[in-house]
Amino acid sequence: MKLLVFGATGGTGARLLTQALDAGHDVTVVARAPDGIPEKDRARSAVIRGDVLEPRTWSAATGGHDAVLSCLGSRDRKHPTTVYSQGTAKIIEAMRRAGVRRLVCLSSAGLEIPPGTPLPQRLVTRYLIQRLYRHGYADMATMEGIVRASTLDWTVIRPPMLTDRPLTGRYRAAAGHHLPDPKSISRADLAHYMLSHIEDRETWEKIVEISS
């Protein structure tokens, strides 16, 4: 497949790029700092120096791709961000103009506390995690609304805590409903799920919860 990837210099995005290239996909990457992509992967992909918030730097390359995979993120916990919502809105507009329909993007399990969550975990999520990541979560929630309102074939994935454990290919996922007892998942396995479910219509127009 021909894939357009955003966020490839981040932890999950880097693993997604490597796995996609190893699987033989034709990958175009949009990155503000292409030097952050390992040389071996830069050599195997088409890299565009661009900012997701500045579509003039990359939108012309959107056409002809089978899917867009977004691993956008912000490392700044102290200040409000719009990279998730406005970045994704600009991706969706470029896809609409180019006639590309399939979008897979990342959000976070921390946005919602599922029914049945044990009280200690519920308290930690509400009073520690949601406060610590409040700016990012607020923008992710806005992003999810933008994605749901689009006419694309979209999937939003909500992972729990991310780790750097190696790829196993073994994980649990729930499309359109809550996943019992989510704990953590490796960035490599999250990337594997994104890549392996691009053509899975059971995940289209659904929020997916995932965990090891």
C-alpha atoms as a PDB file:
ATOM      1  CA  MET A   1       0.000   0.000   0.000  1.00  0.00           C
ATOM      2  CA  LYS A   2       0.932   3.635  -0.380  1.00  0.00           C
ATOM      3  CA  LEU A   3       0.919   5.220   3.066  1.00  0.00           C
ATOM      4  CA  LEU A   4       1.267   8.813   4.232  1.00  0.00           C
ATOM      5  CA  VAL A   5       2.623   9.018   7.786  1.00  0.00           C
ATOM      6  CA  PHE A   6       2.648  11.901  10.258  1.00  0.00           C
ATOM      7  CA  GLY A   7       4.551  11.807  13.549  1.00  0.00           C
ATOM      8  CA  ALA A   8       7.261   9.416  12.401  1.00  0.00           C
ATOM      9  CA  THR A   9       9.896  10.976  14.656  1.00  0.00           C
ATOM     10  CA  GLY A  10       7.952  10.051  17.803  1.00  0.00           C
ATOM     11  CA  GLY A  11       8.177   6.786  19.705  1.00  0.00           C
ATOM     12  CA  THR A  12       5.223   5.012  18.091  1.00  0.00           C
ATOM     13  CA  GLY A  13       5.598   6.724  14.725  1.00  0.00           C
ATOM     14  CA  ALA A  14       9.223   5.639  14.369  1.00  0.00           C
ATOM     15  CA  ARG A  15       8.265   2.022  14.964  1.00  0.00           C
ATOM     16  CA  LEU A  16       5.334   2.328  12.585  1.00  0.00           C
ATOM     17  CA  LEU A  17       7.590   3.652   9.836  1.00  0.00           C
ATOM     18  CA  THR A  18      10.142   0.868  10.249  1.00  0.00           C
ATOM     19  CA  GLN A  19       7.470  -1.842  10.294  1.00  0.00           C
ATOM     20  CA  ALA A  20       5.717  -0.400   7.245  1.00  0.00           C
ATOM     21  CA  LEU A  21       8.940  -0.269   5.273  1.00  0.00           C
ATOM     22  CA  ASP A  22       9.977  -3.760   6.375  1.00  0.00           C
ATOM     23  CA  ALA A  23       6.577  -5.009   5.167  1.00  0.00           C
ATOM     24  CA  GLY A  24       7.235  -3.538   1.718  1.00  0.00           C
ATOM     25  CA  HIS A  25       4.814  -0.606   1.810  1.00  0.00           C
ATOM     26  CA  ASP A  26       5.478   2.564  -0.157  1.00  0.00           C
ATOM     27  CA  VAL A  27       5.725   5.244   2.541  1.00  0.00           C
ATOM     28  CA  THR A  28       5.733   9.031   2.394  1.00  0.00           C
ATOM     29  CA  VAL A  29       6.641  10.796   5.634  1.00  0.00           C
ATOM     30  CA  VAL A  30       5.873  14.376   6.651  1.00  0.00           C
ATOM     31  CA  ALA A  31       8.266  15.592   9.345  1.00  0.00           C
ATOM     32  CA  ARG A  32       9.354  18.977  10.635  1.00  0.00           C
ATOM     33  CA  ALA A  33      12.808  17.550  11.383  1.00  0.00           C
ATOM     34  CA  PRO A  34      13.611  14.755   8.902  1.00  0.00           C
ATOM     35  CA  ASP A  35      16.998  14.261  10.558  1.00  0.00           C
ATOM     36  CA  GLY A  36      15.085  12.712  13.435  1.00  0.00           C
ATOM     37  CA  ILE A  37      14.268   9.745  11.201  1.00  0.00           C
ATOM     38  CA  PRO A  38      16.960   7.027  11.174  1.00  0.00           C
ATOM     39  CA  GLU A  39      19.072   7.164   8.025  1.00  0.00           C
ATOM     40  CA  LYS A  40      18.136   3.625   6.991  1.00  0.00           C
ATOM     41  CA  ASP A  41      14.446   4.556   7.019  1.00  0.00           C
ATOM     42  CA  ARG A  42      14.978   7.929   5.323  1.00  0.00           C
ATOM     43  CA  ALA A  43      16.689   6.087   2.491  1.00  0.00           C
ATOM     44  CA  ARG A  44      13.703   3.763   2.021  1.00  0.00           C
ATOM     45  CA  SER A  45      10.922   6.357   2.180  1.00  0.00           C
ATOM     46  CA  ALA A  46       9.904   9.629   0.566  1.00  0.00           C
ATOM     47  CA  VAL A  47      10.464  12.288   3.213  1.00  0.00           C
ATOM     48  CA  ILE A  48       8.833  15.718   3.047  1.00  0.00           C
ATOM     49  CA  ARG A  49      10.078  18.464   5.332  1.00  0.00           C
ATOM     50  CA  GLY A  50       6.810  19.952   6.506  1.00  0.00           C
ATOM     51  CA  ASP A  51       4.699  21.052   9.449  1.00  0.00           C
ATOM     52  CA  VAL A  52       1.271  19.460   9.856  1.00  0.00           C
ATOM     53  CA  LEU A  53      -0.069  22.890  10.854  1.00  0.00           C
ATOM     54  CA  GLU A  54       1.237  24.372   7.580  1.00  0.00           C
ATOM     55  CA  PRO A  55      -0.447  22.320   4.814  1.00  0.00           C
ATOM     56  CA  ARG A  56       1.247  24.311   2.042  1.00  0.00           C
ATOM     57  CA  THR A  57       4.414  22.378   2.940  1.00  0.00           C
ATOM     58  CA  TRP A  58       2.916  18.925   2.305  1.00  0.00           C
ATOM     59  CA  SER A  59      -0.730  18.879   1.119  1.00  0.00           C
ATOM     60  CA  ALA A  60       0.169  18.543  -2.563  1.00  0.00           C
ATOM     61  CA  ALA A  61       1.640  15.105  -1.802  1.00  0.00           C
ATOM     62  CA  THR A  62      -1.545  13.697  -0.240  1.00  0.00           C
ATOM     63  CA  GLY A  63      -3.124  12.362  -3.415  1.00  0.00           C
ATOM     64  CA  GLY A  64      -2.489   8.800  -4.536  1.00  0.00           C
ATOM     65  CA  HIS A  65      -2.114   7.330  -1.063  1.00  0.00           C
ATOM     66  CA  ASP A  66      -4.251   4.441   0.162  1.00  0.00           C
ATOM     67  CA  ALA A  67      -4.257   5.571   3.792  1.00  0.00           C
ATOM     68  CA  VAL A  68      -3.012   8.242   6.154  1.00  0.00           C
ATOM     69  CA  LEU A  69      -1.580   7.176   9.529  1.00  0.00           C
ATOM     70  CA  SER A  70      -1.212   9.833  12.201  1.00  0.00           C
ATOM     71  CA  CYS A  71       0.969   9.479  15.285  1.00  0.00           C
ATOM     72  CA  LEU A  72       0.911  13.188  16.059  1.00  0.00           C
ATOM     73  CA  GLY A  73       1.911  14.161  19.557  1.00  0.00           C
ATOM     74  CA  SER A  74       3.116  16.931  21.832  1.00  0.00           C
ATOM     75  CA  ARG A  75       5.811  16.580  24.480  1.00  0.00           C
ATOM     76  CA  ASP A  76       4.807  19.833  26.195  1.00  0.00           C
ATOM     77  CA  ARG A  77       2.633  19.060  29.229  1.00  0.00           C
ATOM     78  CA  LYS A  78       2.650  22.594  30.635  1.00  0.00           C
ATOM     79  CA  HIS A  79       0.912  24.529  27.883  1.00  0.00           C
ATOM     80  CA  PRO A  80      -2.209  24.130  25.728  1.00  0.00           C
ATOM     81  CA  THR A  81      -1.675  22.575  22.317  1.00  0.00           C
ATOM     82  CA  THR A  82      -3.589  22.379  19.049  1.00  0.00           C
ATOM     83  CA  VAL A  83      -1.336  19.893  17.282  1.00  0.00           C
ATOM     84  CA  TYR A  84      -3.849  17.048  17.669  1.00  0.00           C
ATOM     85  CA  SER A  85      -7.024  18.915  16.726  1.00  0.00           C
ATOM     86  CA  GLN A  86      -5.793  21.460  14.196  1.00  0.00           C
ATOM     87  CA  GLY A  87      -3.173  19.120  12.784  1.00  0.00           C
ATOM     88  CA  THR A  88      -5.753  16.406  12.220  1.00  0.00           C
ATOM     89  CA  ALA A  89      -8.270  18.905  10.841  1.00  0.00           C
ATOM     90  CA  LYS A  90      -5.721  19.977   8.239  1.00  0.00           C
ATOM     91  CA  ILE A  91      -4.956  16.348   7.395  1.00  0.00           C
ATOM     92  CA  ILE A  92      -8.663  15.647   6.917  1.00  0.00           C
ATOM     93  CA  GLU A  93      -9.096  18.672   4.659  1.00  0.00           C
ATOM     94  CA  ALA A  94      -6.119  17.629   2.522  1.00  0.00           C
ATOM     95  CA  MET A  95      -7.503  14.090   2.300  1.00  0.00           C
ATOM     96  CA  ARG A  96     -10.918  15.403   1.283  1.00  0.00           C
ATOM     97  CA  ARG A  97      -9.404  17.496  -1.488  1.00  0.00           C
ATOM     98  CA  ALA A  98      -7.242  14.604  -2.703  1.00  0.00           C
ATOM     99  CA  GLY A  99      -9.946  11.930  -2.496  1.00  0.00           C
ATOM    100  CA  VAL A 100      -8.105   9.823   0.103  1.00  0.00           C
ATOM    101  CA  ARG A 101     -10.542   8.167   2.528  1.00  0.00           C
ATOM    102  CA  ARG A 102      -8.738   5.961   5.058  1.00  0.00           C
ATOM    103  CA  LEU A 103      -7.439   7.612   8.241  1.00  0.00           C
ATOM    104  CA  VAL A 104      -5.975   5.910  11.320  1.00  0.00           C
ATOM    105  CA  CYS A 105      -4.944   8.151  14.204  1.00  0.00           C
ATOM    106  CA  LEU A 106      -3.911   7.902  17.835  1.00  0.00           C
ATOM    107  CA  SER A 107      -5.647   9.306  20.898  1.00  0.00           C
ATOM    108  CA  SER A 108      -5.395   8.071  24.509  1.00  0.00           C
ATOM    109  CA  ALA A 109      -7.233   5.739  26.863  1.00  0.00           C
ATOM    110  CA  GLY A 110      -6.835   8.414  29.530  1.00  0.00           C
ATOM    111  CA  LEU A 111      -9.626  10.462  27.976  1.00  0.00           C
ATOM    112  CA  GLU A 112     -12.302   8.262  29.514  1.00  0.00           C
ATOM    113  CA  ILE A 113     -12.605   6.104  32.615  1.00  0.00           C
ATOM    114  CA  PRO A 114     -14.501   2.942  31.576  1.00  0.00           C
ATOM    115  CA  PRO A 115     -17.349   1.578  33.713  1.00  0.00           C
ATOM    116  CA  GLY A 116     -16.139  -1.032  36.160  1.00  0.00           C
ATOM    117  CA  THR A 117     -12.702   0.507  36.617  1.00  0.00           C
ATOM    118  CA  PRO A 118     -11.505  -0.277  40.176  1.00  0.00           C
ATOM    119  CA  LEU A 119     -11.725   2.687  42.519  1.00  0.00           C
ATOM    120  CA  PRO A 120      -7.942   3.058  43.086  1.00  0.00           C
ATOM    121  CA  GLN A 121      -7.298   3.106  39.331  1.00  0.00           C
ATOM    122  CA  ARG A 122     -10.235   5.468  38.804  1.00  0.00           C
ATOM    123  CA  LEU A 123      -8.814   7.918  41.369  1.00  0.00           C
ATOM    124  CA  VAL A 124      -5.305   7.765  39.882  1.00  0.00           C
ATOM    125  CA  THR A 125      -6.669   8.421  36.397  1.00  0.00           C
ATOM    126  CA  ARG A 126      -8.968  11.270  37.400  1.00  0.00           C
ATOM    127  CA  TYR A 127      -6.769  13.099  39.890  1.00  0.00           C
ATOM    128  CA  LEU A 128      -3.268  12.366  38.609  1.00  0.00           C
ATOM    129  CA  ILE A 129      -3.134  11.279  34.977  1.00  0.00           C
ATOM    130  CA  GLN A 130      -5.950  13.459  33.630  1.00  0.00           C
ATOM    131  CA  ARG A 131      -4.582  16.484  35.464  1.00  0.00           C
ATOM    132  CA  LEU A 132      -0.992  15.862  34.394  1.00  0.00           C
ATOM    133  CA  TYR A 133      -1.949  15.514  30.728  1.00  0.00           C
ATOM    134  CA  ARG A 134      -4.934  17.871  30.789  1.00  0.00           C
ATOM    135  CA  HIS A 135      -3.781  20.057  27.892  1.00  0.00           C
ATOM    136  CA  GLY A 136      -3.036  17.150  25.605  1.00  0.00           C
ATOM    137  CA  TYR A 137      -6.217  15.323  26.566  1.00  0.00           C
ATOM    138  CA  ALA A 138      -8.354  18.406  25.960  1.00  0.00           C
ATOM    139  CA  ASP A 139      -6.944  18.719  22.460  1.00  0.00           C
ATOM    140  CA  MET A 140      -7.300  14.984  21.806  1.00  0.00           C
ATOM    141  CA  ALA A 141     -10.970  15.181  22.769  1.00  0.00           C
ATOM    142  CA  THR A 142     -11.447  18.002  20.271  1.00  0.00           C
ATOM    143  CA  MET A 143      -9.574  15.962  17.670  1.00  0.00           C
ATOM    144  CA  GLU A 144     -11.838  12.958  18.192  1.00  0.00           C
ATOM    145  CA  GLY A 145     -14.878  15.157  17.602  1.00  0.00           C
ATOM    146  CA  ILE A 146     -13.380  16.471  14.369  1.00  0.00           C
ATOM    147  CA  VAL A 147     -12.589  12.956  13.170  1.00  0.00           C
ATOM    148  CA  ARG A 148     -16.053  11.610  14.029  1.00  0.00           C
ATOM    149  CA  ALA A 149     -17.675  14.505  12.173  1.00  0.00           C
ATOM    150  CA  SER A 150     -15.694  13.781   9.015  1.00  0.00           C
ATOM    151  CA  THR A 151     -16.978  11.630   6.170  1.00  0.00           C
ATOM    152  CA  LEU A 152     -13.784   9.569   6.085  1.00  0.00           C
ATOM    153  CA  ASP A 153     -13.263   5.874   6.808  1.00  0.00           C
ATOM    154  CA  TRP A 154     -11.610   6.606  10.123  1.00  0.00           C
ATOM    155  CA  THR A 155     -10.299   4.718  13.123  1.00  0.00           C
ATOM    156  CA  VAL A 156      -9.232   6.361  16.380  1.00  0.00           C
ATOM    157  CA  ILE A 157      -7.043   4.190  18.619  1.00  0.00           C
ATOM    158  CA  ARG A 158      -6.893   4.813  22.369  1.00  0.00           C
ATOM    159  CA  PRO A 159      -3.850   3.092  23.891  1.00  0.00           C
ATOM    160  CA  PRO A 160      -3.144   3.003  27.642  1.00  0.00           C
ATOM    161  CA  MET A 161       0.360   3.539  29.060  1.00  0.00           C
ATOM    162  CA  LEU A 162       3.016   3.043  26.386  1.00  0.00           C
ATOM    163  CA  THR A 163       6.246   1.127  26.924  1.00  0.00           C
ATOM    164  CA  ASP A 164       9.387   0.417  24.926  1.00  0.00           C
ATOM    165  CA  ARG A 165       9.052  -3.347  25.154  1.00  0.00           C
ATOM    166  CA  PRO A 166       9.713  -5.257  21.917  1.00  0.00           C
ATOM    167  CA  LEU A 167       7.151  -6.243  19.312  1.00  0.00           C
ATOM    168  CA  THR A 168       5.143  -9.349  20.238  1.00  0.00           C
ATOM    169  CA  GLY A 169       2.080  -9.132  17.993  1.00  0.00           C
ATOM    170  CA  ARG A 170       0.027 -10.253  20.985  1.00  0.00           C
ATOM    171  CA  TYR A 171      -2.478  -7.770  22.324  1.00  0.00           C
ATOM    172  CA  ARG A 172      -6.191  -7.274  22.968  1.00  0.00           C
ATOM    173  CA  ALA A 173      -8.385  -4.774  21.138  1.00  0.00           C
ATOM    174  CA  ALA A 174     -12.014  -3.703  21.292  1.00  0.00           C
ATOM    175  CA  ALA A 175     -13.580  -1.738  18.431  1.00  0.00           C
ATOM    176  CA  GLY A 176     -16.576   0.345  19.427  1.00  0.00           C
ATOM    177  CA  HIS A 177     -16.738  -0.808  23.059  1.00  0.00           C
ATOM    178  CA  HIS A 178     -14.638  -0.803  26.217  1.00  0.00           C
ATOM    179  CA  LEU A 179     -11.754  -3.194  26.736  1.00  0.00           C
ATOM    180  CA  PRO A 180     -11.670  -4.835  30.174  1.00  0.00           C
ATOM    181  CA  ASP A 181      -8.713  -4.047  32.426  1.00  0.00           C
ATOM    182  CA  PRO A 182      -6.391  -2.138  30.060  1.00  0.00           C
ATOM    183  CA  LYS A 183      -2.859  -1.916  31.463  1.00  0.00           C
ATOM    184  CA  SER A 184      -0.177  -0.983  28.946  1.00  0.00           C
ATOM    185  CA  ILE A 185       1.055  -1.752  25.452  1.00  0.00           C
ATOM    186  CA  SER A 186       4.402  -1.414  23.753  1.00  0.00           C
ATOM    187  CA  ARG A 187       4.826   1.235  21.097  1.00  0.00           C
ATOM    188  CA  ALA A 188       5.927  -1.519  18.736  1.00  0.00           C
ATOM    189  CA  ASP A 189       2.718  -3.503  19.252  1.00  0.00           C
ATOM    190  CA  LEU A 190       0.608  -0.357  18.904  1.00  0.00           C
ATOM    191  CA  ALA A 191       2.316   0.379  15.597  1.00  0.00           C
ATOM    192  CA  HIS A 192       1.714  -3.224  14.541  1.00  0.00           C
ATOM    193  CA  TYR A 193      -2.010  -2.880  15.225  1.00  0.00           C
ATOM    194  CA  MET A 194      -2.242   0.354  13.254  1.00  0.00           C
ATOM    195  CA  LEU A 195      -0.506  -1.159  10.272  1.00  0.00           C
ATOM    196  CA  SER A 196      -2.263  -4.524  10.296  1.00  0.00           C
ATOM    197  CA  HIS A 197      -5.787  -3.101  10.583  1.00  0.00           C
ATOM    198  CA  ILE A 198      -5.740  -0.512   7.832  1.00  0.00           C
ATOM    199  CA  GLU A 199      -8.014  -2.683   5.703  1.00  0.00           C
ATOM    200  CA  ASP A 200     -10.093  -4.067   8.580  1.00  0.00           C
ATOM    201  CA  ARG A 201     -13.553  -2.628   7.963  1.00  0.00           C
ATOM    202  CA  GLU A 202     -14.675  -3.752  11.425  1.00  0.00           C
ATOM    203  CA  THR A 203     -12.577  -0.883  12.807  1.00  0.00           C
ATOM    204  CA  TRP A 204     -13.895   1.787  10.451  1.00  0.00           C
ATOM    205  CA  GLU A 205     -15.778   4.669  12.076  1.00  0.00           C
ATOM    206  CA  LYS A 206     -14.929   3.268  15.508  1.00  0.00           C
ATOM    207  CA  ILE A 207     -12.837   4.135  18.527  1.00  0.00           C
ATOM    208  CA  VAL A 208     -10.571   1.206  19.356  1.00  0.00           C
ATOM    209  CA  GLU A 209      -9.240   0.455  22.834  1.00  0.00           C
ATOM    210  CA  ILE A 210      -6.118  -1.684  22.956  1.00  0.00           C
ATOM    211  CA  SER A 211      -3.846  -3.241  25.570  1.00  0.00           C
ATOM    212  CA  SER A 212      -1.350  -6.053  26.015  1.00  0.00           C
END
